[in-house]
N, C-alpha and C. Protein backbone atom coordinates (compact mmCIF):
# COMPACT_ATOMS: atom_id res chain seq x y z
N MET A 1 140.83 -59.16 193.63
CA MET A 1 140.61 -58.54 194.93
C MET A 1 141.81 -57.68 195.34
N LYS A 2 143.03 -58.24 195.08
CA LYS A 2 144.24 -57.48 195.41
C LYS A 2 144.32 -56.19 194.62
N HIS A 3 143.91 -56.28 193.33
CA HIS A 3 143.96 -55.08 192.48
C HIS A 3 142.99 -54.03 193.00
N ILE A 4 141.82 -54.48 193.45
CA ILE A 4 140.82 -53.53 193.97
C ILE A 4 141.34 -52.87 195.24
N LEU A 5 141.97 -53.68 196.11
CA LEU A 5 142.52 -53.13 197.36
C LEU A 5 143.62 -52.13 197.08
N LEU A 6 144.51 -52.46 196.14
CA LEU A 6 145.61 -51.56 195.79
C LEU A 6 145.08 -50.26 195.22
N ALA A 7 144.08 -50.37 194.34
CA ALA A 7 143.50 -49.17 193.74
C ALA A 7 142.85 -48.29 194.80
N THR A 8 142.20 -48.94 195.79
CA THR A 8 141.56 -48.18 196.85
C THR A 8 142.58 -47.42 197.69
N VAL A 9 143.70 -48.11 198.01
CA VAL A 9 144.76 -47.46 198.78
C VAL A 9 145.34 -46.27 198.04
N LEU A 10 145.62 -46.46 196.76
CA LEU A 10 146.18 -45.36 195.96
C LEU A 10 145.21 -44.20 195.85
N LEU A 11 143.93 -44.51 195.70
CA LEU A 11 142.92 -43.46 195.60
C LEU A 11 142.84 -42.67 196.90
N CYS A 12 142.85 -43.39 198.02
CA CYS A 12 142.78 -42.71 199.32
C CYS A 12 144.01 -41.83 199.54
N THR A 13 145.17 -42.35 199.12
CA THR A 13 146.40 -41.56 199.26
C THR A 13 146.33 -40.30 198.43
N ALA A 14 145.85 -40.41 197.20
CA ALA A 14 145.74 -39.25 196.32
C ALA A 14 144.77 -38.23 196.88
N ILE A 15 143.63 -38.72 197.40
CA ILE A 15 142.63 -37.80 197.97
C ILE A 15 143.20 -37.08 199.17
N ALA A 16 143.92 -37.82 200.03
CA ALA A 16 144.50 -37.21 201.22
C ALA A 16 145.51 -36.14 200.85
N ALA A 17 146.36 -36.46 199.87
CA ALA A 17 147.37 -35.48 199.46
C ALA A 17 146.72 -34.25 198.87
N HIS A 18 145.64 -34.45 198.09
CA HIS A 18 144.95 -33.31 197.48
C HIS A 18 144.23 -32.50 198.55
N ALA A 19 143.66 -33.19 199.54
CA ALA A 19 142.90 -32.50 200.58
C ALA A 19 143.79 -31.59 201.40
N GLN A 20 145.03 -32.04 201.67
CA GLN A 20 145.90 -31.22 202.48
C GLN A 20 146.23 -29.92 201.75
N GLY A 21 146.76 -30.02 200.56
CA GLY A 21 147.00 -28.85 199.74
C GLY A 21 147.83 -27.77 200.41
N ILE A 22 148.59 -28.13 201.45
CA ILE A 22 149.31 -27.11 202.21
C ILE A 22 150.79 -27.44 202.36
N ALA A 23 151.25 -28.45 201.63
CA ALA A 23 152.63 -28.91 201.82
C ALA A 23 153.65 -27.92 201.27
N ASN A 24 153.28 -27.16 200.26
CA ASN A 24 154.25 -26.28 199.62
C ASN A 24 153.77 -24.84 199.63
N PRO A 25 154.12 -24.09 200.68
CA PRO A 25 153.73 -22.67 200.73
C PRO A 25 154.46 -21.89 199.65
N ARG A 26 153.94 -20.72 199.34
CA ARG A 26 154.61 -19.86 198.38
C ARG A 26 155.91 -19.32 198.97
N PRO A 27 156.91 -19.02 198.15
CA PRO A 27 158.19 -18.51 198.67
C PRO A 27 158.01 -17.16 199.36
N LEU A 28 158.72 -17.01 200.46
CA LEU A 28 158.74 -15.73 201.16
C LEU A 28 159.50 -14.72 200.32
N ASN A 29 158.97 -13.51 200.21
CA ASN A 29 159.62 -12.46 199.43
C ASN A 29 160.87 -11.98 200.16
N LEU A 30 162.04 -12.20 199.56
CA LEU A 30 163.30 -11.86 200.19
C LEU A 30 164.06 -10.83 199.36
N PRO A 31 164.76 -9.90 200.01
CA PRO A 31 165.66 -9.02 199.27
C PRO A 31 166.70 -9.85 198.53
N ALA A 32 167.12 -9.36 197.39
CA ALA A 32 167.99 -10.15 196.51
C ALA A 32 169.29 -10.57 197.17
N ASP A 33 169.82 -9.77 198.09
CA ASP A 33 171.11 -10.08 198.70
C ASP A 33 170.98 -10.81 200.04
N THR A 34 169.81 -11.35 200.34
CA THR A 34 169.61 -12.04 201.61
C THR A 34 170.25 -13.42 201.60
N ASP A 35 171.04 -13.71 202.61
CA ASP A 35 171.61 -15.04 202.76
C ASP A 35 170.59 -15.91 203.50
N VAL A 36 170.13 -16.97 202.85
CA VAL A 36 169.04 -17.79 203.40
C VAL A 36 169.45 -18.45 204.71
N SER A 37 170.69 -18.91 204.81
CA SER A 37 171.14 -19.55 206.05
C SER A 37 171.10 -18.58 207.22
N THR A 38 171.54 -17.35 206.97
CA THR A 38 171.50 -16.32 208.01
C THR A 38 170.06 -15.98 208.37
N LEU A 39 169.20 -15.92 207.35
CA LEU A 39 167.78 -15.65 207.57
C LEU A 39 167.17 -16.75 208.45
N LYS A 40 167.48 -18.00 208.16
CA LYS A 40 166.94 -19.11 208.94
C LYS A 40 167.36 -19.01 210.41
N ASN A 41 168.64 -18.76 210.63
CA ASN A 41 169.14 -18.68 212.00
C ASN A 41 168.49 -17.53 212.77
N THR A 42 168.36 -16.40 212.09
CA THR A 42 167.73 -15.24 212.73
C THR A 42 166.27 -15.52 213.04
N GLY A 43 165.57 -16.12 212.07
CA GLY A 43 164.16 -16.43 212.27
C GLY A 43 163.95 -17.45 213.37
N LYS A 44 164.82 -18.44 213.43
CA LYS A 44 164.70 -19.47 214.46
C LYS A 44 164.85 -18.87 215.85
N GLN A 45 165.78 -17.93 216.00
CA GLN A 45 165.97 -17.26 217.29
C GLN A 45 164.74 -16.44 217.66
N ALA A 46 164.20 -15.71 216.68
CA ALA A 46 163.03 -14.87 216.94
C ALA A 46 161.83 -15.71 217.34
N ILE A 47 161.63 -16.83 216.65
CA ILE A 47 160.49 -17.71 216.94
C ILE A 47 160.63 -18.32 218.33
N ALA A 48 161.84 -18.72 218.69
CA ALA A 48 162.07 -19.31 220.02
C ALA A 48 161.74 -18.30 221.12
N GLU A 49 162.16 -17.05 220.93
CA GLU A 49 161.87 -16.01 221.92
C GLU A 49 160.36 -15.75 222.01
N LEU A 50 159.72 -15.74 220.86
CA LEU A 50 158.28 -15.47 220.81
C LEU A 50 157.50 -16.57 221.52
N MET A 51 157.85 -17.81 221.26
CA MET A 51 157.15 -18.92 221.89
C MET A 51 157.46 -19.03 223.37
N ALA A 52 158.64 -18.60 223.78
CA ALA A 52 158.97 -18.57 225.20
C ALA A 52 158.07 -17.56 225.92
N ALA A 53 157.86 -16.41 225.29
CA ALA A 53 156.96 -15.40 225.86
C ALA A 53 155.53 -15.91 225.92
N PHE A 54 155.13 -16.63 224.88
CA PHE A 54 153.79 -17.22 224.83
C PHE A 54 153.58 -18.19 225.99
N ALA A 55 154.53 -19.09 226.19
CA ALA A 55 154.40 -20.10 227.25
C ALA A 55 154.44 -19.47 228.63
N ALA A 56 155.20 -18.39 228.79
CA ALA A 56 155.36 -17.76 230.10
C ALA A 56 154.15 -16.93 230.51
N ASN A 57 153.29 -16.55 229.56
CA ASN A 57 152.19 -15.65 229.88
C ASN A 57 150.82 -16.32 229.91
N ASP A 58 150.80 -17.65 229.91
CA ASP A 58 149.53 -18.38 229.93
C ASP A 58 148.59 -17.75 228.89
N ALA A 59 149.11 -17.62 227.66
CA ALA A 59 148.48 -16.80 226.63
C ALA A 59 147.06 -17.19 226.27
N ALA A 60 146.77 -18.46 226.28
CA ALA A 60 145.45 -18.88 225.78
C ALA A 60 144.41 -19.08 226.87
N SER A 61 144.64 -18.46 228.02
CA SER A 61 143.65 -18.44 229.10
C SER A 61 143.17 -19.83 229.49
N GLY A 62 144.10 -20.73 229.71
CA GLY A 62 143.72 -22.05 230.19
C GLY A 62 143.52 -23.11 229.12
N SER A 63 143.55 -22.73 227.85
CA SER A 63 143.41 -23.73 226.78
C SER A 63 144.62 -24.65 226.80
N LYS A 64 144.38 -25.92 226.49
CA LYS A 64 145.47 -26.89 226.53
C LYS A 64 145.75 -27.55 225.19
N SER A 65 144.84 -27.43 224.23
CA SER A 65 145.07 -28.05 222.92
C SER A 65 145.08 -26.96 221.85
N TYR A 66 146.08 -27.00 220.98
CA TYR A 66 146.33 -25.93 220.03
C TYR A 66 146.54 -26.45 218.61
N ILE A 67 146.34 -25.54 217.67
CA ILE A 67 146.72 -25.75 216.27
C ILE A 67 147.56 -24.55 215.86
N ILE A 68 148.64 -24.78 215.16
CA ILE A 68 149.41 -23.70 214.57
C ILE A 68 149.14 -23.72 213.07
N LEU A 69 148.55 -22.66 212.55
CA LEU A 69 148.29 -22.61 211.12
C LEU A 69 149.61 -22.45 210.37
N PRO A 70 149.75 -23.10 209.23
CA PRO A 70 150.99 -22.96 208.45
C PRO A 70 151.09 -21.57 207.84
N LEU A 71 152.31 -21.11 207.71
CA LEU A 71 152.55 -19.81 207.08
C LEU A 71 152.20 -19.88 205.60
N PRO A 72 151.53 -18.85 205.07
CA PRO A 72 151.22 -18.86 203.63
C PRO A 72 152.46 -18.65 202.77
N ARG A 73 153.48 -17.98 203.33
CA ARG A 73 154.76 -17.77 202.65
C ARG A 73 155.87 -18.25 203.58
N ASP A 74 156.82 -18.99 203.03
CA ASP A 74 157.86 -19.59 203.87
C ASP A 74 159.10 -19.82 203.01
N VAL A 75 160.13 -20.36 203.62
CA VAL A 75 161.33 -20.77 202.90
C VAL A 75 161.49 -22.28 203.03
N ASP A 76 162.11 -22.88 202.04
CA ASP A 76 162.37 -24.33 202.04
C ASP A 76 161.12 -25.15 202.37
N GLN A 77 160.01 -24.81 201.72
CA GLN A 77 158.79 -25.60 201.81
C GLN A 77 158.29 -25.80 203.24
N GLY A 78 158.32 -24.73 204.02
CA GLY A 78 157.72 -24.77 205.35
C GLY A 78 158.69 -24.77 206.50
N TYR A 79 159.88 -24.24 206.31
CA TYR A 79 160.90 -24.25 207.37
C TYR A 79 160.43 -23.49 208.62
N PHE A 80 159.92 -22.27 208.44
CA PHE A 80 159.54 -21.47 209.60
C PHE A 80 158.29 -22.01 210.30
N THR A 81 157.36 -22.57 209.53
CA THR A 81 156.21 -23.22 210.17
C THR A 81 156.67 -24.35 211.08
N LEU A 82 157.63 -25.13 210.60
CA LEU A 82 158.18 -26.22 211.41
C LEU A 82 158.86 -25.67 212.66
N GLN A 83 159.55 -24.54 212.53
CA GLN A 83 160.21 -23.94 213.70
C GLN A 83 159.19 -23.45 214.72
N PHE A 84 158.06 -22.91 214.25
CA PHE A 84 156.99 -22.52 215.18
C PHE A 84 156.48 -23.75 215.93
N GLU A 85 156.28 -24.85 215.22
CA GLU A 85 155.79 -26.07 215.85
C GLU A 85 156.82 -26.63 216.85
N ASN A 86 158.09 -26.65 216.44
CA ASN A 86 159.13 -27.16 217.32
C ASN A 86 159.27 -26.31 218.59
N ALA A 87 159.26 -24.98 218.39
CA ALA A 87 159.41 -24.08 219.54
C ALA A 87 158.21 -24.20 220.47
N PHE A 88 157.02 -24.36 219.90
CA PHE A 88 155.83 -24.54 220.72
C PHE A 88 155.96 -25.81 221.57
N THR A 89 156.39 -26.90 220.94
CA THR A 89 156.53 -28.17 221.65
C THR A 89 157.54 -28.06 222.77
N GLN A 90 158.65 -27.37 222.51
CA GLN A 90 159.71 -27.24 223.51
C GLN A 90 159.32 -26.31 224.65
N LYS A 91 158.68 -25.20 224.32
CA LYS A 91 158.37 -24.19 225.34
C LYS A 91 157.04 -24.47 226.04
N ALA A 92 155.98 -24.73 225.27
CA ALA A 92 154.66 -24.91 225.84
C ALA A 92 154.36 -26.37 226.15
N GLY A 93 155.02 -27.27 225.46
CA GLY A 93 154.77 -28.69 225.70
C GLY A 93 155.11 -29.10 227.12
N ALA A 94 156.11 -28.44 227.71
CA ALA A 94 156.50 -28.75 229.08
C ALA A 94 155.38 -28.41 230.07
N ALA A 95 154.49 -27.51 229.65
CA ALA A 95 153.37 -27.11 230.52
C ALA A 95 152.14 -27.98 230.29
N GLY A 96 152.29 -29.02 229.47
CA GLY A 96 151.18 -29.93 229.23
C GLY A 96 150.28 -29.55 228.07
N TYR A 97 150.72 -28.59 227.23
CA TYR A 97 149.92 -28.17 226.08
C TYR A 97 150.07 -29.19 224.95
N LYS A 98 149.01 -29.46 224.25
CA LYS A 98 149.00 -30.41 223.16
C LYS A 98 148.94 -29.66 221.83
N LEU A 99 149.71 -30.13 220.85
CA LEU A 99 149.75 -29.47 219.54
C LEU A 99 149.27 -30.41 218.45
N TYR A 100 148.29 -29.95 217.67
CA TYR A 100 147.87 -30.66 216.48
C TYR A 100 148.70 -30.13 215.32
N THR A 101 149.27 -31.03 214.53
CA THR A 101 150.12 -30.56 213.43
C THR A 101 149.29 -30.25 212.21
N ARG A 102 149.92 -29.61 211.24
CA ARG A 102 149.23 -29.16 210.03
C ARG A 102 148.86 -30.32 209.11
N THR A 103 149.29 -31.55 209.43
CA THR A 103 148.93 -32.68 208.57
C THR A 103 147.58 -33.28 208.94
N ASP A 104 146.96 -32.79 209.99
CA ASP A 104 145.65 -33.30 210.36
C ASP A 104 144.66 -33.06 209.23
N SER A 105 143.84 -34.06 208.91
CA SER A 105 142.96 -33.97 207.74
C SER A 105 141.91 -32.86 207.89
N VAL A 106 141.39 -32.67 209.11
CA VAL A 106 140.40 -31.61 209.30
C VAL A 106 141.02 -30.24 209.07
N LEU A 107 142.20 -30.04 209.63
CA LEU A 107 142.90 -28.78 209.43
C LEU A 107 143.20 -28.56 207.95
N ALA A 108 143.66 -29.62 207.29
CA ALA A 108 143.97 -29.51 205.87
C ALA A 108 142.74 -29.12 205.06
N ASN A 109 141.61 -29.74 205.37
CA ASN A 109 140.38 -29.43 204.65
C ASN A 109 139.92 -28.00 204.90
N VAL A 110 140.08 -27.53 206.14
CA VAL A 110 139.70 -26.15 206.45
C VAL A 110 140.55 -25.17 205.66
N LEU A 111 141.86 -25.44 205.61
CA LEU A 111 142.76 -24.54 204.88
C LEU A 111 142.49 -24.58 203.38
N LYS A 112 142.17 -25.75 202.88
CA LYS A 112 141.85 -25.88 201.46
C LYS A 112 140.55 -25.14 201.14
N GLU A 113 139.58 -25.28 202.03
CA GLU A 113 138.28 -24.64 201.81
C GLU A 113 138.41 -23.13 201.72
N THR A 114 139.24 -22.56 202.57
CA THR A 114 139.38 -21.10 202.60
C THR A 114 140.50 -20.59 201.71
N GLU A 115 141.19 -21.53 201.04
CA GLU A 115 142.31 -21.16 200.18
C GLU A 115 143.28 -20.27 200.96
N PHE A 116 143.69 -20.82 202.09
CA PHE A 116 144.52 -20.07 203.03
C PHE A 116 145.78 -19.50 202.38
N GLN A 117 146.39 -20.29 201.52
CA GLN A 117 147.64 -19.84 200.93
C GLN A 117 147.44 -18.67 199.96
N GLN A 118 146.24 -18.51 199.45
CA GLN A 118 145.99 -17.41 198.51
C GLN A 118 145.42 -16.19 199.21
N ASN A 119 144.75 -16.38 200.34
CA ASN A 119 144.11 -15.26 201.01
C ASN A 119 144.28 -15.42 202.51
N TYR A 120 145.30 -14.76 203.05
CA TYR A 120 145.67 -14.93 204.46
C TYR A 120 144.52 -14.58 205.39
N GLU A 121 143.81 -13.51 205.11
CA GLU A 121 142.79 -13.03 206.04
C GLU A 121 141.62 -14.00 206.20
N ASP A 122 141.32 -14.80 205.18
CA ASP A 122 140.21 -15.74 205.28
C ASP A 122 140.39 -16.71 206.44
N ALA A 123 141.65 -17.01 206.76
CA ALA A 123 141.91 -17.98 207.83
C ALA A 123 141.48 -17.45 209.18
N LEU A 124 141.25 -16.14 209.29
CA LEU A 124 140.84 -15.54 210.55
C LEU A 124 139.33 -15.42 210.67
N ASP A 125 138.61 -15.89 209.67
CA ASP A 125 137.15 -15.83 209.72
C ASP A 125 136.64 -16.65 210.91
N LYS A 126 135.62 -16.11 211.61
CA LYS A 126 135.12 -16.76 212.83
C LYS A 126 134.62 -18.18 212.56
N SER A 127 133.84 -18.36 211.51
CA SER A 127 133.30 -19.69 211.23
C SER A 127 134.40 -20.68 210.89
N THR A 128 135.44 -20.21 210.24
CA THR A 128 136.57 -21.08 209.89
C THR A 128 137.30 -21.54 211.15
N ILE A 129 137.58 -20.60 212.03
CA ILE A 129 138.28 -20.94 213.27
C ILE A 129 137.47 -21.95 214.08
N GLN A 130 136.15 -21.75 214.13
CA GLN A 130 135.32 -22.62 214.94
C GLN A 130 135.25 -24.05 214.40
N LYS A 131 135.51 -24.22 213.11
CA LYS A 131 135.51 -25.57 212.54
C LYS A 131 136.66 -26.41 213.10
N LEU A 132 137.69 -25.75 213.56
CA LEU A 132 138.84 -26.47 214.09
C LEU A 132 138.50 -27.16 215.41
N ALA A 133 137.38 -26.79 216.02
CA ALA A 133 136.97 -27.45 217.27
C ALA A 133 136.61 -28.91 217.03
N PHE A 134 136.33 -29.27 215.78
CA PHE A 134 135.93 -30.65 215.50
C PHE A 134 137.03 -31.65 215.80
N ILE A 135 138.27 -31.21 215.83
CA ILE A 135 139.36 -32.14 216.15
C ILE A 135 139.82 -31.95 217.59
N GLY A 136 139.07 -31.20 218.37
CA GLY A 136 139.38 -31.06 219.79
C GLY A 136 140.26 -29.89 220.14
N ALA A 137 140.60 -29.05 219.18
CA ALA A 137 141.46 -27.90 219.47
C ALA A 137 140.67 -26.83 220.23
N GLN A 138 141.30 -26.24 221.22
CA GLN A 138 140.68 -25.18 221.99
C GLN A 138 141.17 -23.80 221.56
N ALA A 139 142.34 -23.74 220.93
CA ALA A 139 142.90 -22.46 220.51
C ALA A 139 143.70 -22.65 219.23
N VAL A 140 143.76 -21.59 218.44
CA VAL A 140 144.53 -21.62 217.20
C VAL A 140 145.58 -20.52 217.24
N VAL A 141 146.80 -20.86 216.86
CA VAL A 141 147.90 -19.90 216.80
C VAL A 141 148.13 -19.53 215.34
N VAL A 142 148.03 -18.25 215.04
CA VAL A 142 148.25 -17.77 213.67
C VAL A 142 149.61 -17.06 213.62
N PRO A 143 150.60 -17.67 212.99
CA PRO A 143 151.93 -17.06 212.92
C PRO A 143 152.10 -16.17 211.69
N ARG A 144 153.04 -15.25 211.78
CA ARG A 144 153.41 -14.42 210.62
C ARG A 144 154.92 -14.20 210.63
N MET A 145 155.48 -14.11 209.43
CA MET A 145 156.88 -13.74 209.27
C MET A 145 156.92 -12.64 208.21
N ASP A 146 157.43 -11.47 208.58
CA ASP A 146 157.52 -10.35 207.65
C ASP A 146 158.95 -9.87 207.58
N ILE A 147 159.34 -9.40 206.41
CA ILE A 147 160.69 -8.88 206.21
C ILE A 147 160.60 -7.46 205.68
N ASP A 148 161.29 -6.53 206.34
CA ASP A 148 161.29 -5.13 205.95
C ASP A 148 162.71 -4.66 205.70
N ARG A 149 162.86 -3.74 204.77
CA ARG A 149 164.17 -3.13 204.53
C ARG A 149 164.05 -1.63 204.73
N SER A 150 164.87 -1.08 205.61
CA SER A 150 164.83 0.35 205.91
C SER A 150 165.62 1.13 204.86
N ALA A 151 165.56 2.45 204.97
CA ALA A 151 166.22 3.31 203.99
C ALA A 151 167.73 3.13 203.99
N ASP A 152 168.31 2.74 205.15
CA ASP A 152 169.77 2.57 205.21
C ASP A 152 170.21 1.17 204.79
N GLY A 153 169.25 0.36 204.32
CA GLY A 153 169.58 -0.97 203.83
C GLY A 153 169.46 -2.08 204.85
N THR A 154 169.16 -1.74 206.10
CA THR A 154 169.03 -2.75 207.14
C THR A 154 167.79 -3.62 206.88
N VAL A 155 167.96 -4.93 206.91
CA VAL A 155 166.85 -5.86 206.69
C VAL A 155 166.42 -6.41 208.06
N THR A 156 165.14 -6.25 208.37
CA THR A 156 164.60 -6.68 209.66
C THR A 156 163.56 -7.77 209.46
N LEU A 157 163.66 -8.82 210.25
CA LEU A 157 162.68 -9.90 210.23
C LEU A 157 161.78 -9.76 211.46
N ARG A 158 160.47 -9.79 211.24
CA ARG A 158 159.50 -9.69 212.33
C ARG A 158 158.70 -10.98 212.41
N ALA A 159 158.80 -11.66 213.54
CA ALA A 159 158.00 -12.86 213.80
C ALA A 159 156.90 -12.49 214.76
N SER A 160 155.66 -12.85 214.43
CA SER A 160 154.54 -12.51 215.30
C SER A 160 153.53 -13.65 215.32
N ILE A 161 152.74 -13.70 216.39
CA ILE A 161 151.65 -14.66 216.48
C ILE A 161 150.43 -13.98 217.09
N SER A 162 149.26 -14.48 216.73
CA SER A 162 148.02 -14.12 217.41
C SER A 162 147.33 -15.41 217.80
N VAL A 163 146.83 -15.45 219.02
CA VAL A 163 146.20 -16.64 219.56
C VAL A 163 144.70 -16.39 219.68
N HIS A 164 143.90 -17.30 219.10
CA HIS A 164 142.44 -17.14 219.08
C HIS A 164 141.77 -18.32 219.76
N ASN A 165 140.77 -18.03 220.57
CA ASN A 165 139.94 -19.07 221.17
C ASN A 165 139.07 -19.67 220.09
N VAL A 166 139.08 -20.99 219.95
CA VAL A 166 138.35 -21.64 218.86
C VAL A 166 136.84 -21.51 219.04
N ALA A 167 136.36 -21.61 220.26
CA ALA A 167 134.92 -21.58 220.48
C ALA A 167 134.31 -20.23 220.15
N THR A 168 135.05 -19.15 220.45
CA THR A 168 134.49 -17.80 220.26
C THR A 168 135.16 -17.04 219.13
N ALA A 169 136.31 -17.53 218.64
CA ALA A 169 137.13 -16.85 217.64
C ALA A 169 137.75 -15.56 218.18
N GLU A 170 137.64 -15.34 219.49
CA GLU A 170 138.19 -14.14 220.10
C GLU A 170 139.71 -14.23 220.17
N LYS A 171 140.37 -13.11 219.84
CA LYS A 171 141.82 -13.05 219.97
C LYS A 171 142.15 -12.85 221.45
N VAL A 172 142.94 -13.77 222.01
CA VAL A 172 143.22 -13.70 223.43
C VAL A 172 144.66 -13.27 223.74
N TRP A 173 145.52 -13.29 222.74
CA TRP A 173 146.90 -12.89 222.98
C TRP A 173 147.62 -12.68 221.66
N GLY A 174 148.63 -11.84 221.69
CA GLY A 174 149.46 -11.63 220.51
C GLY A 174 150.76 -10.98 220.91
N ASP A 175 151.80 -11.21 220.13
CA ASP A 175 153.09 -10.60 220.43
C ASP A 175 153.95 -10.63 219.17
N GLU A 176 155.04 -9.88 219.21
CA GLU A 176 155.92 -9.77 218.05
C GLU A 176 157.36 -9.62 218.51
N THR A 177 158.27 -10.22 217.75
CA THR A 177 159.70 -10.07 217.99
C THR A 177 160.37 -9.67 216.68
N ALA A 178 161.23 -8.66 216.74
CA ALA A 178 161.91 -8.19 215.54
C ALA A 178 163.42 -8.34 215.71
N LYS A 179 164.09 -8.77 214.65
CA LYS A 179 165.54 -8.92 214.67
C LYS A 179 166.12 -8.48 213.33
N ASP A 180 167.23 -7.77 213.39
CA ASP A 180 167.93 -7.39 212.17
C ASP A 180 168.67 -8.61 211.62
N ILE A 181 168.64 -8.74 210.30
CA ILE A 181 169.34 -9.85 209.64
C ILE A 181 170.71 -9.35 209.19
N PRO A 182 171.78 -9.91 209.71
CA PRO A 182 173.11 -9.48 209.27
C PRO A 182 173.26 -9.68 207.77
N ARG A 183 173.68 -8.64 207.08
CA ARG A 183 173.83 -8.78 205.63
C ARG A 183 175.19 -9.38 205.30
N PRO A 184 175.29 -10.11 204.19
CA PRO A 184 176.58 -10.71 203.82
C PRO A 184 177.59 -9.62 203.47
N LEU A 185 178.85 -9.87 203.79
CA LEU A 185 179.90 -8.90 203.51
C LEU A 185 180.19 -8.83 202.01
N THR A 186 180.26 -7.62 201.49
CA THR A 186 180.58 -7.41 200.08
C THR A 186 182.10 -7.25 199.92
N THR A 187 182.55 -7.19 198.66
CA THR A 187 183.97 -6.96 198.40
C THR A 187 184.43 -5.65 199.01
N GLU A 188 183.57 -4.63 198.91
CA GLU A 188 183.90 -3.33 199.48
C GLU A 188 184.07 -3.41 200.99
N ASP A 189 183.21 -4.24 201.63
CA ASP A 189 183.31 -4.41 203.07
C ASP A 189 184.66 -5.03 203.45
N TRP A 190 185.04 -6.08 202.70
CA TRP A 190 186.32 -6.73 202.99
C TRP A 190 187.49 -5.77 202.77
N VAL A 191 187.44 -4.97 201.68
CA VAL A 191 188.50 -4.00 201.41
C VAL A 191 188.57 -2.97 202.54
N ARG A 192 187.39 -2.50 202.99
CA ARG A 192 187.34 -1.51 204.06
C ARG A 192 187.91 -2.08 205.35
N ARG A 193 187.52 -3.34 205.65
CA ARG A 193 188.05 -3.97 206.87
C ARG A 193 189.56 -4.17 206.78
N GLY A 194 190.03 -4.55 205.58
CA GLY A 194 191.46 -4.72 205.39
C GLY A 194 192.21 -3.42 205.59
N ALA A 195 191.64 -2.33 205.05
CA ALA A 195 192.28 -1.02 205.18
C ALA A 195 192.32 -0.59 206.64
N ILE A 196 191.22 -0.86 207.37
CA ILE A 196 191.19 -0.50 208.79
C ILE A 196 192.23 -1.32 209.56
N GLY A 197 192.34 -2.62 209.21
CA GLY A 197 193.32 -3.46 209.88
C GLY A 197 194.75 -3.01 209.62
N LEU A 198 195.03 -2.64 208.35
CA LEU A 198 196.37 -2.16 208.02
C LEU A 198 196.68 -0.85 208.72
N ALA A 199 195.66 0.02 208.78
CA ALA A 199 195.86 1.30 209.47
C ALA A 199 196.14 1.08 210.95
N ALA A 200 195.43 0.10 211.54
CA ALA A 200 195.65 -0.19 212.96
C ALA A 200 197.06 -0.74 213.18
N LEU A 201 197.50 -1.63 212.28
CA LEU A 201 198.86 -2.17 212.40
C LEU A 201 199.90 -1.07 212.24
N GLY A 202 199.62 -0.18 211.28
CA GLY A 202 200.55 0.93 211.07
C GLY A 202 200.64 1.82 212.29
N GLY A 203 199.47 2.11 212.89
CA GLY A 203 199.46 2.93 214.11
C GLY A 203 200.20 2.27 215.25
N LEU A 204 200.01 0.94 215.36
CA LEU A 204 200.71 0.20 216.42
C LEU A 204 202.21 0.22 216.21
N ALA A 205 202.62 0.10 214.94
CA ALA A 205 204.06 0.12 214.63
C ALA A 205 204.66 1.48 215.00
N VAL A 206 203.95 2.56 214.67
CA VAL A 206 204.44 3.90 215.00
C VAL A 206 204.54 4.08 216.51
N LEU A 207 203.51 3.57 217.23
CA LEU A 207 203.51 3.70 218.69
C LEU A 207 204.69 2.94 219.29
N LEU A 208 204.94 1.72 218.80
CA LEU A 208 206.06 0.94 219.31
C LEU A 208 207.39 1.62 219.01
N TRP A 209 207.50 2.20 217.82
CA TRP A 209 208.73 2.92 217.46
C TRP A 209 208.92 4.12 218.38
N PHE A 210 207.83 4.83 218.67
CA PHE A 210 207.92 6.00 219.53
C PHE A 210 208.33 5.61 220.94
N LEU A 211 207.70 4.54 221.48
CA LEU A 211 208.05 4.09 222.82
C LEU A 211 209.51 3.63 222.88
N GLY A 212 209.95 2.95 221.81
CA GLY A 212 211.34 2.52 221.77
C GLY A 212 212.29 3.70 221.75
N SER A 213 211.91 4.75 221.01
CA SER A 213 212.75 5.94 220.94
C SER A 213 212.83 6.63 222.29
N VAL A 214 211.72 6.70 223.00
CA VAL A 214 211.69 7.33 224.32
C VAL A 214 212.57 6.57 225.29
N ARG A 215 212.48 5.25 225.27
CA ARG A 215 213.31 4.44 226.16
C ARG A 215 214.80 4.59 225.87
N ALA A 216 215.08 4.65 224.57
CA ALA A 216 216.48 4.79 224.18
C ALA A 216 217.04 6.13 224.63
N ALA A 217 216.22 7.17 224.55
CA ALA A 217 216.66 8.50 224.95
C ALA A 217 216.82 8.60 226.47
N ALA A 218 216.06 7.78 227.20
CA ALA A 218 216.11 7.86 228.68
C ALA A 218 217.27 7.06 229.26
N ARG A 219 217.95 6.24 228.47
CA ARG A 219 219.03 5.43 229.00
C ARG A 219 220.24 6.32 229.33
N PRO A 220 220.92 5.95 230.41
CA PRO A 220 222.14 6.73 230.75
C PRO A 220 223.20 6.56 229.68
N ARG A 221 223.89 7.60 229.41
CA ARG A 221 224.93 7.54 228.40
C ARG A 221 226.30 7.54 229.05
């Protein structure tokens, strides 16, 4: 009997893990010289600002229960998705909004069914969104994180969300925040900064010498 019970528990655990299928998103495409720690800090700030705007604008037209879909591409196995959830809880939770996490079995099955991680747009299908109503969600938040590099080498991170009513699949709100990601200093940067610092010290030394000379010349003899 114990063996049967143990086997049943293991089988249920395996099925649950397989059903979720969303624990490990694909890696976010990053420029080769991107510092991940700096990227995380920049993204966290952008997400916090975005969720603050969401909470301040009564974005979901009175809805009180939400789901945040996991990002199909992320860093550190879901870091930014977790930041969206944390920011939502901190900003919107104070207003009495309830958040269903991505570990919910119904949500996991919906994402597995549509192969969300392989095809981002499928998650926006009306019938798919409406299935989320089975767990009591009134609105779904679809987050995005995009990284762009301009011609001058500046790397910009864009965090955006779209909020959809579950019953109608209608988009009721959306917003975006963009932030430049500070690039790591290269050897050339350090040499340039050192040269500027030395030049500044040299200029200061010349100025002090000049002022000293003027004072010396002005003294009575």
